[in-house]
Amino acid sequence: MFIETVPESAATGDLADYYEHQRAGWGFLPDYAGAFGPRPEVAEAWNTLNGTIRRGMDRRRFELATIAAARALRSTYCTAAHSMFLRDVCGDEQTLRTLAEDPSGATLSEQDRAVYAFAGKVATDAASVEQADVDALRAVGLSDADVADVVYAAAARSFFTRVLDGLGAQLDAETAASFPPELLDGMVVGRPVGAPRTPA
């Protein structure tokens, strides 16, 4: 991390609550948590926004759009974390492996391919989105509300990846270790994996 972070043992108030929640969710304190040490209220606002978007749409589509945005933004952290959610929460290891073999998304199913391409475009060059892009999603079965959800997911991921990469957070070794090397290698699209933690 490029900034001085507050150690878990020294955290108080809202930051201590945030750290506790993150540890409970992951089983360890993720590296990104330190990025919100100066402003835990921003972390809380992010959690609310991200959770609202995720709960309002199909979970698998949320993960696919998030992975597409994260890859396009070269975020190793979010690419790997949401690949893990796609596998473990959605039970979809096959799509994870399909993307490992071809990160462009070209070999995904028709609907997934359209969502993946659109989310990447929104994340990297939203001003270039045209009516034809939305019409292509409608043509594969998405409603206008579904299209908006993909935009929300991709746009929100742009915020989070910029925070993590801008402050130097690195993918936790614990998350990296949940993937075989041949899958993990394809997820390292930006910053490298962080070093394993030393026991306290």
N, C-alpha and C. Protein backbone atom coordinates (compact mmCIF):
# COMPACT_ATOMS: atom_id res chain seq x y z
N MET A 1 0.86 -1.18 0.00
CA MET A 1 0.00 0.00 0.00
C MET A 1 0.90 1.24 0.00
N PHE A 2 0.50 2.24 -0.77
CA PHE A 2 1.33 3.44 -0.90
C PHE A 2 1.15 4.43 0.26
N ILE A 3 0.09 4.27 1.03
CA ILE A 3 -0.15 5.14 2.17
C ILE A 3 0.02 4.35 3.46
N GLU A 4 0.24 5.05 4.54
CA GLU A 4 0.32 4.39 5.84
C GLU A 4 -1.09 3.92 6.22
N THR A 5 -1.21 2.66 6.56
CA THR A 5 -2.51 2.12 6.92
C THR A 5 -2.61 1.94 8.43
N VAL A 6 -3.83 1.92 8.90
CA VAL A 6 -4.07 1.74 10.33
C VAL A 6 -4.07 0.25 10.63
N PRO A 7 -3.19 -0.24 11.49
CA PRO A 7 -3.20 -1.66 11.82
C PRO A 7 -4.52 -2.05 12.48
N GLU A 8 -4.88 -3.30 12.29
CA GLU A 8 -6.14 -3.77 12.86
C GLU A 8 -6.15 -3.57 14.38
N SER A 9 -5.02 -3.77 15.01
CA SER A 9 -4.95 -3.64 16.48
C SER A 9 -5.13 -2.22 16.96
N ALA A 10 -4.93 -1.24 16.06
CA ALA A 10 -5.04 0.16 16.44
C ALA A 10 -6.34 0.81 15.96
N ALA A 11 -7.13 0.08 15.22
CA ALA A 11 -8.36 0.65 14.67
C ALA A 11 -9.40 0.84 15.77
N THR A 12 -10.13 1.93 15.67
CA THR A 12 -11.20 2.24 16.62
C THR A 12 -12.45 2.69 15.87
N GLY A 13 -13.57 2.71 16.57
CA GLY A 13 -14.80 3.27 16.02
C GLY A 13 -15.24 2.63 14.73
N ASP A 14 -15.61 3.47 13.75
CA ASP A 14 -16.13 2.98 12.48
C ASP A 14 -15.11 2.13 11.73
N LEU A 15 -13.84 2.50 11.83
CA LEU A 15 -12.81 1.72 11.13
C LEU A 15 -12.68 0.33 11.74
N ALA A 16 -12.72 0.24 13.05
CA ALA A 16 -12.66 -1.08 13.70
C ALA A 16 -13.84 -1.93 13.28
N ASP A 17 -15.03 -1.32 13.18
CA ASP A 17 -16.22 -2.06 12.74
C ASP A 17 -16.05 -2.54 11.30
N TYR A 18 -15.50 -1.68 10.46
CA TYR A 18 -15.28 -2.04 9.06
C TYR A 18 -14.29 -3.19 8.94
N TYR A 19 -13.19 -3.09 9.66
CA TYR A 19 -12.20 -4.16 9.64
C TYR A 19 -12.83 -5.48 10.12
N GLU A 20 -13.61 -5.41 11.17
CA GLU A 20 -14.24 -6.62 11.72
C GLU A 20 -15.17 -7.26 10.70
N HIS A 21 -15.93 -6.42 10.01
CA HIS A 21 -16.85 -6.93 9.00
C HIS A 21 -16.09 -7.58 7.85
N GLN A 22 -15.00 -6.96 7.43
CA GLN A 22 -14.21 -7.52 6.33
C GLN A 22 -13.56 -8.83 6.73
N ARG A 23 -13.04 -8.89 7.93
CA ARG A 23 -12.43 -10.14 8.40
C ARG A 23 -13.47 -11.25 8.48
N ALA A 24 -14.66 -10.91 8.94
CA ALA A 24 -15.72 -11.92 9.04
C ALA A 24 -16.10 -12.46 7.67
N GLY A 25 -16.11 -11.59 6.69
CA GLY A 25 -16.50 -12.00 5.34
C GLY A 25 -15.45 -12.82 4.62
N TRP A 26 -14.19 -12.52 4.85
CA TRP A 26 -13.11 -13.16 4.10
C TRP A 26 -12.36 -14.23 4.90
N GLY A 27 -12.44 -14.16 6.22
CA GLY A 27 -11.63 -15.05 7.04
C GLY A 27 -10.26 -14.50 7.33
N PHE A 28 -9.98 -13.32 6.83
CA PHE A 28 -8.74 -12.58 7.06
C PHE A 28 -9.03 -11.13 6.70
N LEU A 29 -8.16 -10.22 7.10
CA LEU A 29 -8.37 -8.82 6.75
C LEU A 29 -7.75 -8.57 5.38
N PRO A 30 -8.57 -8.32 4.36
CA PRO A 30 -8.02 -8.14 3.01
C PRO A 30 -7.19 -6.87 2.90
N ASP A 31 -6.22 -6.91 2.01
CA ASP A 31 -5.31 -5.78 1.85
C ASP A 31 -6.06 -4.50 1.50
N TYR A 32 -7.13 -4.63 0.70
CA TYR A 32 -7.84 -3.42 0.28
C TYR A 32 -8.46 -2.65 1.43
N ALA A 33 -8.71 -3.32 2.55
CA ALA A 33 -9.37 -2.65 3.68
C ALA A 33 -8.57 -1.43 4.13
N GLY A 34 -7.24 -1.54 4.07
CA GLY A 34 -6.41 -0.42 4.50
C GLY A 34 -6.59 0.82 3.65
N ALA A 35 -7.04 0.65 2.41
CA ALA A 35 -7.24 1.81 1.53
C ALA A 35 -8.34 2.73 2.05
N PHE A 36 -9.21 2.20 2.88
CA PHE A 36 -10.32 3.00 3.40
C PHE A 36 -10.07 3.47 4.84
N GLY A 37 -8.86 3.23 5.35
CA GLY A 37 -8.53 3.66 6.70
C GLY A 37 -8.76 5.15 6.95
N PRO A 38 -8.36 6.02 6.02
CA PRO A 38 -8.58 7.45 6.26
C PRO A 38 -10.04 7.87 6.24
N ARG A 39 -10.90 7.08 5.55
CA ARG A 39 -12.30 7.48 5.39
C ARG A 39 -13.19 6.25 5.44
N PRO A 40 -13.39 5.64 6.61
CA PRO A 40 -14.24 4.44 6.66
C PRO A 40 -15.66 4.71 6.22
N GLU A 41 -16.11 5.96 6.28
CA GLU A 41 -17.46 6.26 5.82
C GLU A 41 -17.58 6.07 4.30
N VAL A 42 -16.47 6.24 3.58
CA VAL A 42 -16.48 5.97 2.14
C VAL A 42 -16.65 4.48 1.90
N ALA A 43 -15.97 3.66 2.71
CA ALA A 43 -16.13 2.21 2.60
C ALA A 43 -17.57 1.81 2.84
N GLU A 44 -18.21 2.42 3.83
CA GLU A 44 -19.60 2.10 4.13
C GLU A 44 -20.51 2.49 2.97
N ALA A 45 -20.25 3.66 2.38
CA ALA A 45 -21.04 4.09 1.23
C ALA A 45 -20.84 3.15 0.05
N TRP A 46 -19.59 2.71 -0.16
CA TRP A 46 -19.31 1.75 -1.22
C TRP A 46 -20.05 0.44 -0.97
N ASN A 47 -20.01 -0.05 0.24
CA ASN A 47 -20.69 -1.31 0.54
C ASN A 47 -22.19 -1.21 0.25
N THR A 48 -22.77 -0.08 0.58
CA THR A 48 -24.20 0.12 0.32
C THR A 48 -24.48 0.14 -1.17
N LEU A 49 -23.69 0.91 -1.92
CA LEU A 49 -23.88 0.99 -3.37
C LEU A 49 -23.68 -0.36 -4.03
N ASN A 50 -22.56 -1.00 -3.73
CA ASN A 50 -22.24 -2.28 -4.37
C ASN A 50 -23.29 -3.34 -4.03
N GLY A 51 -23.67 -3.40 -2.76
CA GLY A 51 -24.67 -4.38 -2.35
C GLY A 51 -26.02 -4.14 -2.99
N THR A 52 -26.40 -2.87 -3.14
CA THR A 52 -27.68 -2.54 -3.76
C THR A 52 -27.69 -2.96 -5.22
N ILE A 53 -26.60 -2.70 -5.92
CA ILE A 53 -26.50 -3.11 -7.33
C ILE A 53 -26.55 -4.63 -7.44
N ARG A 54 -25.75 -5.30 -6.64
CA ARG A 54 -25.65 -6.76 -6.72
C ARG A 54 -26.97 -7.45 -6.40
N ARG A 55 -27.65 -6.98 -5.35
CA ARG A 55 -28.91 -7.63 -4.95
C ARG A 55 -30.03 -7.38 -5.94
N GLY A 56 -29.92 -6.34 -6.74
CA GLY A 56 -31.00 -5.99 -7.66
C GLY A 56 -30.92 -6.68 -9.00
N MET A 57 -29.87 -7.50 -9.22
CA MET A 57 -29.72 -8.14 -10.52
C MET A 57 -29.34 -9.61 -10.36
N ASP A 58 -29.42 -10.34 -11.43
CA ASP A 58 -28.99 -11.73 -11.42
C ASP A 58 -27.55 -11.80 -10.95
N ARG A 59 -27.26 -12.64 -9.94
CA ARG A 59 -25.93 -12.65 -9.34
C ARG A 59 -24.85 -13.08 -10.34
N ARG A 60 -25.14 -14.08 -11.13
CA ARG A 60 -24.12 -14.53 -12.08
C ARG A 60 -23.82 -13.43 -13.10
N ARG A 61 -24.86 -12.73 -13.58
CA ARG A 61 -24.63 -11.64 -14.53
C ARG A 61 -23.82 -10.52 -13.87
N PHE A 62 -24.10 -10.26 -12.59
CA PHE A 62 -23.31 -9.27 -11.86
C PHE A 62 -21.84 -9.64 -11.85
N GLU A 63 -21.54 -10.90 -11.54
CA GLU A 63 -20.15 -11.33 -11.49
C GLU A 63 -19.50 -11.28 -12.86
N LEU A 64 -20.22 -11.69 -13.88
CA LEU A 64 -19.66 -11.66 -15.24
C LEU A 64 -19.35 -10.22 -15.67
N ALA A 65 -20.29 -9.31 -15.43
CA ALA A 65 -20.07 -7.91 -15.79
C ALA A 65 -18.92 -7.30 -14.98
N THR A 66 -18.83 -7.69 -13.72
CA THR A 66 -17.77 -7.17 -12.87
C THR A 66 -16.41 -7.68 -13.31
N ILE A 67 -16.32 -8.95 -13.65
CA ILE A 67 -15.06 -9.50 -14.15
C ILE A 67 -14.66 -8.81 -15.44
N ALA A 68 -15.62 -8.60 -16.33
CA ALA A 68 -15.31 -7.92 -17.59
C ALA A 68 -14.77 -6.52 -17.35
N ALA A 69 -15.42 -5.78 -16.45
CA ALA A 69 -14.97 -4.43 -16.14
C ALA A 69 -13.60 -4.46 -15.48
N ALA A 70 -13.41 -5.38 -14.55
CA ALA A 70 -12.14 -5.46 -13.83
C ALA A 70 -11.00 -5.82 -14.78
N ARG A 71 -11.22 -6.76 -15.67
CA ARG A 71 -10.19 -7.12 -16.65
C ARG A 71 -9.86 -5.93 -17.55
N ALA A 72 -10.90 -5.24 -18.02
CA ALA A 72 -10.68 -4.10 -18.91
C ALA A 72 -9.91 -2.99 -18.21
N LEU A 73 -10.11 -2.87 -16.89
CA LEU A 73 -9.42 -1.85 -16.10
C LEU A 73 -8.09 -2.34 -15.52
N ARG A 74 -7.72 -3.56 -15.86
CA ARG A 74 -6.45 -4.17 -15.44
C ARG A 74 -6.35 -4.28 -13.92
N SER A 75 -7.43 -4.67 -13.30
CA SER A 75 -7.45 -4.87 -11.86
C SER A 75 -7.30 -6.36 -11.55
N THR A 76 -6.11 -6.75 -11.14
CA THR A 76 -5.88 -8.13 -10.73
C THR A 76 -6.76 -8.48 -9.54
N TYR A 77 -6.83 -7.57 -8.57
CA TYR A 77 -7.58 -7.80 -7.34
C TYR A 77 -9.03 -8.17 -7.64
N CYS A 78 -9.71 -7.33 -8.39
CA CYS A 78 -11.14 -7.55 -8.63
C CYS A 78 -11.39 -8.68 -9.62
N THR A 79 -10.48 -8.85 -10.59
CA THR A 79 -10.63 -9.97 -11.52
C THR A 79 -10.61 -11.29 -10.77
N ALA A 80 -9.65 -11.46 -9.88
CA ALA A 80 -9.53 -12.72 -9.15
C ALA A 80 -10.64 -12.88 -8.12
N ALA A 81 -10.93 -11.83 -7.36
CA ALA A 81 -11.95 -11.94 -6.32
C ALA A 81 -13.31 -12.31 -6.90
N HIS A 82 -13.67 -11.68 -8.02
CA HIS A 82 -14.99 -11.95 -8.58
C HIS A 82 -15.00 -13.22 -9.41
N SER A 83 -13.86 -13.66 -9.87
CA SER A 83 -13.77 -15.00 -10.46
C SER A 83 -14.04 -16.04 -9.38
N MET A 84 -13.52 -15.79 -8.19
CA MET A 84 -13.78 -16.69 -7.07
C MET A 84 -15.27 -16.71 -6.72
N PHE A 85 -15.91 -15.54 -6.72
CA PHE A 85 -17.35 -15.49 -6.44
C PHE A 85 -18.15 -16.20 -7.53
N LEU A 86 -17.73 -16.03 -8.78
CA LEU A 86 -18.41 -16.71 -9.88
C LEU A 86 -18.35 -18.22 -9.67
N ARG A 87 -17.20 -18.70 -9.24
CA ARG A 87 -17.02 -20.14 -9.01
C ARG A 87 -17.74 -20.61 -7.75
N ASP A 88 -17.54 -19.89 -6.64
CA ASP A 88 -17.99 -20.39 -5.34
C ASP A 88 -19.42 -20.02 -4.99
N VAL A 89 -19.84 -18.82 -5.36
CA VAL A 89 -21.20 -18.37 -5.04
C VAL A 89 -22.18 -18.80 -6.12
N CYS A 90 -21.75 -18.67 -7.38
CA CYS A 90 -22.64 -18.99 -8.49
C CYS A 90 -22.47 -20.43 -8.98
N GLY A 91 -21.45 -21.11 -8.50
CA GLY A 91 -21.22 -22.50 -8.90
C GLY A 91 -20.86 -22.66 -10.36
N ASP A 92 -20.15 -21.67 -10.91
CA ASP A 92 -19.87 -21.67 -12.34
C ASP A 92 -18.37 -21.66 -12.62
N GLU A 93 -17.74 -22.78 -12.39
CA GLU A 93 -16.30 -22.88 -12.69
C GLU A 93 -16.05 -22.96 -14.19
N GLN A 94 -17.02 -23.46 -14.93
CA GLN A 94 -16.82 -23.60 -16.37
C GLN A 94 -16.59 -22.26 -17.04
N THR A 95 -17.38 -21.25 -16.67
CA THR A 95 -17.18 -19.93 -17.28
C THR A 95 -15.83 -19.36 -16.88
N LEU A 96 -15.43 -19.59 -15.65
CA LEU A 96 -14.11 -19.15 -15.19
C LEU A 96 -13.03 -19.76 -16.09
N ARG A 97 -13.16 -21.05 -16.39
CA ARG A 97 -12.16 -21.72 -17.21
C ARG A 97 -12.24 -21.26 -18.67
N THR A 98 -13.44 -20.99 -19.13
CA THR A 98 -13.60 -20.47 -20.49
C THR A 98 -12.88 -19.14 -20.65
N LEU A 99 -13.02 -18.29 -19.65
CA LEU A 99 -12.34 -16.99 -19.70
C LEU A 99 -10.83 -17.13 -19.54
N ALA A 100 -10.40 -18.13 -18.80
CA ALA A 100 -8.95 -18.37 -18.67
C ALA A 100 -8.36 -18.76 -20.01
N GLU A 101 -9.11 -19.55 -20.78
CA GLU A 101 -8.63 -19.98 -22.09
C GLU A 101 -8.70 -18.86 -23.12
N ASP A 102 -9.69 -17.99 -22.99
CA ASP A 102 -9.84 -16.87 -23.93
C ASP A 102 -10.40 -15.67 -23.18
N PRO A 103 -9.52 -14.83 -22.60
CA PRO A 103 -9.98 -13.69 -21.79
C PRO A 103 -10.79 -12.65 -22.56
N SER A 104 -10.79 -12.74 -23.89
CA SER A 104 -11.59 -11.78 -24.66
C SER A 104 -13.08 -12.01 -24.50
N GLY A 105 -13.46 -13.21 -24.04
CA GLY A 105 -14.87 -13.54 -23.90
C GLY A 105 -15.52 -14.02 -25.18
N ALA A 106 -14.74 -14.17 -26.24
CA ALA A 106 -15.29 -14.53 -27.54
C ALA A 106 -15.91 -15.92 -27.57
N THR A 107 -15.50 -16.80 -26.66
CA THR A 107 -16.02 -18.17 -26.67
C THR A 107 -17.14 -18.39 -25.65
N LEU A 108 -17.60 -17.32 -25.01
CA LEU A 108 -18.75 -17.42 -24.12
C LEU A 108 -20.03 -17.64 -24.94
N SER A 109 -21.11 -17.97 -24.24
CA SER A 109 -22.40 -18.06 -24.92
C SER A 109 -22.78 -16.70 -25.48
N GLU A 110 -23.75 -16.68 -26.38
CA GLU A 110 -24.11 -15.44 -27.06
C GLU A 110 -24.48 -14.33 -26.08
N GLN A 111 -25.35 -14.64 -25.12
CA GLN A 111 -25.77 -13.61 -24.18
C GLN A 111 -24.62 -13.17 -23.28
N ASP A 112 -23.87 -14.15 -22.76
CA ASP A 112 -22.73 -13.81 -21.90
C ASP A 112 -21.70 -12.98 -22.66
N ARG A 113 -21.46 -13.34 -23.89
CA ARG A 113 -20.48 -12.61 -24.71
C ARG A 113 -20.90 -11.15 -24.88
N ALA A 114 -22.19 -10.93 -25.10
CA ALA A 114 -22.69 -9.57 -25.27
C ALA A 114 -22.56 -8.77 -23.98
N VAL A 115 -22.92 -9.38 -22.85
CA VAL A 115 -22.80 -8.71 -21.55
C VAL A 115 -21.35 -8.38 -21.25
N TYR A 116 -20.48 -9.33 -21.48
CA TYR A 116 -19.06 -9.18 -21.18
C TYR A 116 -18.44 -8.04 -22.00
N ALA A 117 -18.73 -8.03 -23.29
CA ALA A 117 -18.18 -6.97 -24.15
C ALA A 117 -18.73 -5.61 -23.77
N PHE A 118 -20.01 -5.55 -23.48
CA PHE A 118 -20.64 -4.27 -23.14
C PHE A 118 -20.09 -3.73 -21.82
N ALA A 119 -19.96 -4.58 -20.82
CA ALA A 119 -19.44 -4.13 -19.52
C ALA A 119 -18.02 -3.62 -19.65
N GLY A 120 -17.20 -4.29 -20.45
CA GLY A 120 -15.84 -3.80 -20.66
C GLY A 120 -15.81 -2.45 -21.34
N LYS A 121 -16.72 -2.25 -22.28
CA LYS A 121 -16.79 -0.97 -22.99
C LYS A 121 -17.24 0.14 -22.06
N VAL A 122 -18.23 -0.13 -21.23
CA VAL A 122 -18.70 0.87 -20.27
C VAL A 122 -17.57 1.26 -19.32
N ALA A 123 -16.81 0.26 -18.87
CA ALA A 123 -15.75 0.53 -17.90
C ALA A 123 -14.63 1.38 -18.47
N THR A 124 -14.31 1.18 -19.74
CA THR A 124 -13.12 1.85 -20.30
C THR A 124 -13.43 3.04 -21.20
N ASP A 125 -14.61 3.05 -21.82
CA ASP A 125 -14.91 4.13 -22.76
C ASP A 125 -16.41 4.30 -22.89
N ALA A 126 -17.04 4.68 -21.79
CA ALA A 126 -18.51 4.78 -21.78
C ALA A 126 -19.03 5.78 -22.80
N ALA A 127 -18.24 6.80 -23.13
CA ALA A 127 -18.69 7.80 -24.10
C ALA A 127 -18.83 7.22 -25.50
N SER A 128 -18.23 6.06 -25.73
CA SER A 128 -18.33 5.43 -27.06
C SER A 128 -19.53 4.50 -27.18
N VAL A 129 -20.26 4.28 -26.08
CA VAL A 129 -21.45 3.42 -26.14
C VAL A 129 -22.50 4.08 -27.03
N GLU A 130 -23.08 3.26 -27.90
CA GLU A 130 -24.08 3.75 -28.84
C GLU A 130 -25.37 2.95 -28.69
N GLN A 131 -26.41 3.44 -29.32
CA GLN A 131 -27.69 2.74 -29.29
C GLN A 131 -27.54 1.29 -29.77
N ALA A 132 -26.67 1.10 -30.74
CA ALA A 132 -26.48 -0.25 -31.28
C ALA A 132 -25.97 -1.22 -30.22
N ASP A 133 -25.18 -0.73 -29.28
CA ASP A 133 -24.67 -1.60 -28.21
C ASP A 133 -25.81 -2.08 -27.32
N VAL A 134 -26.71 -1.17 -27.01
CA VAL A 134 -27.86 -1.53 -26.18
C VAL A 134 -28.81 -2.45 -26.97
N ASP A 135 -29.00 -2.14 -28.23
CA ASP A 135 -29.86 -2.98 -29.06
C ASP A 135 -29.32 -4.41 -29.16
N ALA A 136 -28.00 -4.55 -29.17
CA ALA A 136 -27.40 -5.88 -29.23
C ALA A 136 -27.71 -6.68 -27.97
N LEU A 137 -27.77 -6.01 -26.84
CA LEU A 137 -28.14 -6.69 -25.59
C LEU A 137 -29.63 -7.06 -25.59
N ARG A 138 -30.44 -6.16 -26.09
CA ARG A 138 -31.87 -6.49 -26.21
C ARG A 138 -32.08 -7.71 -27.10
N ALA A 139 -31.27 -7.80 -28.15
CA ALA A 139 -31.42 -8.88 -29.12
C ALA A 139 -31.10 -10.25 -28.52
N VAL A 140 -30.32 -10.28 -27.43
CA VAL A 140 -29.99 -11.57 -26.80
C VAL A 140 -30.80 -11.79 -25.52
N GLY A 141 -31.85 -10.96 -25.33
CA GLY A 141 -32.79 -11.25 -24.26
C GLY A 141 -32.76 -10.35 -23.05
N LEU A 142 -31.91 -9.32 -23.04
CA LEU A 142 -31.87 -8.43 -21.87
C LEU A 142 -32.95 -7.36 -21.99
N SER A 143 -33.58 -7.06 -20.88
CA SER A 143 -34.52 -5.94 -20.82
C SER A 143 -33.73 -4.65 -20.61
N ASP A 144 -34.42 -3.53 -20.73
CA ASP A 144 -33.74 -2.26 -20.48
C ASP A 144 -33.24 -2.18 -19.03
N ALA A 145 -34.02 -2.74 -18.10
CA ALA A 145 -33.57 -2.76 -16.70
C ALA A 145 -32.31 -3.61 -16.55
N ASP A 146 -32.24 -4.72 -17.29
CA ASP A 146 -31.04 -5.56 -17.25
C ASP A 146 -29.84 -4.79 -17.79
N VAL A 147 -30.04 -4.06 -18.86
CA VAL A 147 -28.95 -3.26 -19.45
C VAL A 147 -28.45 -2.24 -18.43
N ALA A 148 -29.39 -1.57 -17.79
CA ALA A 148 -29.00 -0.58 -16.78
C ALA A 148 -28.21 -1.24 -15.65
N ASP A 149 -28.61 -2.43 -15.24
CA ASP A 149 -27.90 -3.13 -14.19
C ASP A 149 -26.45 -3.41 -14.58
N VAL A 150 -26.23 -3.82 -15.81
CA VAL A 150 -24.86 -4.07 -16.28
C VAL A 150 -24.05 -2.78 -16.24
N VAL A 151 -24.67 -1.67 -16.64
CA VAL A 151 -23.98 -0.38 -16.57
C VAL A 151 -23.64 -0.03 -15.12
N TYR A 152 -24.60 -0.22 -14.21
CA TYR A 152 -24.34 0.08 -12.80
C TYR A 152 -23.15 -0.74 -12.28
N ALA A 153 -23.15 -2.04 -12.61
CA ALA A 153 -22.09 -2.92 -12.11
C ALA A 153 -20.73 -2.50 -12.65
N ALA A 154 -20.67 -2.22 -13.95
CA ALA A 154 -19.40 -1.84 -14.56
C ALA A 154 -18.92 -0.47 -14.06
N ALA A 155 -19.85 0.47 -13.93
CA ALA A 155 -19.48 1.80 -13.47
C ALA A 155 -19.01 1.78 -12.02
N ALA A 156 -19.69 1.01 -11.18
CA ALA A 156 -19.28 0.90 -9.78
C ALA A 156 -17.90 0.27 -9.67
N ARG A 157 -17.64 -0.75 -10.49
CA ARG A 157 -16.33 -1.40 -10.44
C ARG A 157 -15.22 -0.45 -10.83
N SER A 158 -15.52 0.50 -11.70
CA SER A 158 -14.52 1.48 -12.08
C SER A 158 -14.06 2.28 -10.86
N PHE A 159 -14.99 2.63 -9.99
CA PHE A 159 -14.62 3.34 -8.76
C PHE A 159 -13.71 2.48 -7.89
N PHE A 160 -14.13 1.26 -7.62
CA PHE A 160 -13.40 0.43 -6.66
C PHE A 160 -12.01 0.07 -7.16
N THR A 161 -11.90 -0.28 -8.44
CA THR A 161 -10.57 -0.63 -8.95
C THR A 161 -9.63 0.57 -8.92
N ARG A 162 -10.13 1.76 -9.17
CA ARG A 162 -9.28 2.95 -9.16
C ARG A 162 -8.79 3.24 -7.74
N VAL A 163 -9.66 3.02 -6.75
CA VAL A 163 -9.23 3.20 -5.36
C VAL A 163 -8.12 2.22 -5.02
N LEU A 164 -8.34 0.94 -5.32
CA LEU A 164 -7.36 -0.08 -4.94
C LEU A 164 -6.04 0.11 -5.67
N ASP A 165 -6.10 0.29 -6.98
CA ASP A 165 -4.85 0.45 -7.72
C ASP A 165 -4.19 1.79 -7.46
N GLY A 166 -4.99 2.82 -7.27
CA GLY A 166 -4.43 4.13 -6.99
C GLY A 166 -3.68 4.20 -5.68
N LEU A 167 -4.06 3.35 -4.72
CA LEU A 167 -3.41 3.34 -3.41
C LEU A 167 -2.50 2.12 -3.23
N GLY A 168 -2.40 1.29 -4.26
CA GLY A 168 -1.42 0.22 -4.24
C GLY A 168 -1.82 -1.07 -3.58
N ALA A 169 -3.13 -1.33 -3.41
CA ALA A 169 -3.56 -2.59 -2.81
C ALA A 169 -3.23 -3.74 -3.75
N GLN A 170 -2.87 -4.88 -3.16
CA GLN A 170 -2.53 -6.06 -3.95
C GLN A 170 -3.41 -7.24 -3.56
N LEU A 171 -3.69 -8.09 -4.55
CA LEU A 171 -4.50 -9.27 -4.32
C LEU A 171 -3.91 -10.09 -3.18
N ASP A 172 -4.76 -10.50 -2.26
CA ASP A 172 -4.32 -11.26 -1.09
C ASP A 172 -3.85 -12.65 -1.51
N ALA A 173 -2.78 -13.09 -0.89
CA ALA A 173 -2.24 -14.42 -1.19
C ALA A 173 -3.26 -15.51 -0.89
N GLU A 174 -4.11 -15.27 0.10
CA GLU A 174 -5.13 -16.26 0.45
C GLU A 174 -6.11 -16.48 -0.70
N THR A 175 -6.52 -15.40 -1.35
CA THR A 175 -7.42 -15.53 -2.49
C THR A 175 -6.70 -16.15 -3.68
N ALA A 176 -5.48 -15.70 -3.91
CA ALA A 176 -4.70 -16.26 -5.02
C ALA A 176 -4.54 -17.76 -4.88
N ALA A 177 -4.34 -18.22 -3.65
CA ALA A 177 -4.10 -19.65 -3.41
C ALA A 177 -5.32 -20.51 -3.67
N SER A 178 -6.49 -19.89 -3.83
CA SER A 178 -7.69 -20.68 -4.08
C SER A 178 -7.81 -21.11 -5.54
N PHE A 179 -6.87 -20.66 -6.38
CA PHE A 179 -6.88 -21.01 -7.80
C PHE A 179 -5.65 -21.83 -8.16
N PRO A 180 -5.78 -22.78 -9.06
CA PRO A 180 -4.59 -23.44 -9.58
C PRO A 180 -3.76 -22.43 -10.39
N PRO A 181 -2.45 -22.61 -10.45
CA PRO A 181 -1.59 -21.62 -11.11
C PRO A 181 -2.00 -21.28 -12.53
N GLU A 182 -2.46 -22.27 -13.29
CA GLU A 182 -2.80 -21.99 -14.69
C GLU A 182 -4.01 -21.07 -14.82
N LEU A 183 -4.89 -21.06 -13.83
CA LEU A 183 -6.01 -20.12 -13.84
C LEU A 183 -5.60 -18.77 -13.29
N LEU A 184 -4.84 -18.79 -12.20
CA LEU A 184 -4.42 -17.54 -11.58
C LEU A 184 -3.59 -16.69 -12.53
N ASP A 185 -2.71 -17.32 -13.29
CA ASP A 185 -1.83 -16.55 -14.18
C ASP A 185 -2.61 -15.65 -15.11
N GLY A 186 -3.74 -16.13 -15.60
CA GLY A 186 -4.55 -15.33 -16.52
C GLY A 186 -5.33 -14.22 -15.85
N MET A 187 -5.38 -14.24 -14.51
CA MET A 187 -6.10 -13.19 -13.78
C MET A 187 -5.18 -12.04 -13.35
N VAL A 188 -3.89 -12.25 -13.48
CA VAL A 188 -2.95 -11.19 -13.10
C VAL A 188 -2.84 -10.25 -14.29
N VAL A 189 -3.74 -9.30 -14.32
CA VAL A 189 -3.87 -8.38 -15.46
C VAL A 189 -3.29 -7.00 -15.16
N GLY A 190 -2.88 -6.79 -13.92
CA GLY A 190 -2.32 -5.49 -13.51
C GLY A 190 -1.31 -5.71 -12.41
N ARG A 191 -1.58 -5.21 -11.21
CA ARG A 191 -0.65 -5.38 -10.10
C ARG A 191 -0.45 -6.86 -9.77
N PRO A 192 0.76 -7.22 -9.32
CA PRO A 192 1.01 -8.62 -8.96
C PRO A 192 0.31 -9.00 -7.66
N VAL A 193 0.28 -10.28 -7.41
CA VAL A 193 -0.28 -10.79 -6.15
C VAL A 193 0.60 -10.35 -4.99
N GLY A 194 -0.02 -10.02 -3.88
CA GLY A 194 0.72 -9.61 -2.70
C GLY A 194 1.48 -10.78 -2.07
N ALA A 195 2.46 -10.46 -1.27
CA ALA A 195 3.24 -11.49 -0.58
C ALA A 195 2.39 -12.14 0.50
N PRO A 196 2.66 -13.42 0.79
CA PRO A 196 1.93 -14.08 1.90
C PRO A 196 2.14 -13.31 3.19
N ARG A 197 1.14 -13.34 4.06
CA ARG A 197 1.22 -12.63 5.34
C ARG A 197 2.13 -13.39 6.29
N THR A 198 2.84 -12.64 7.08
CA THR A 198 3.64 -13.27 8.13
C THR A 198 2.77 -13.41 9.37
N PRO A 199 2.84 -14.53 10.07
CA PRO A 199 2.01 -14.71 11.27
C PRO A 199 2.26 -13.60 12.27
N ALA A 200 1.18 -13.14 12.93
CA ALA A 200 1.30 -12.07 13.92
C ALA A 200 2.04 -12.57 15.15
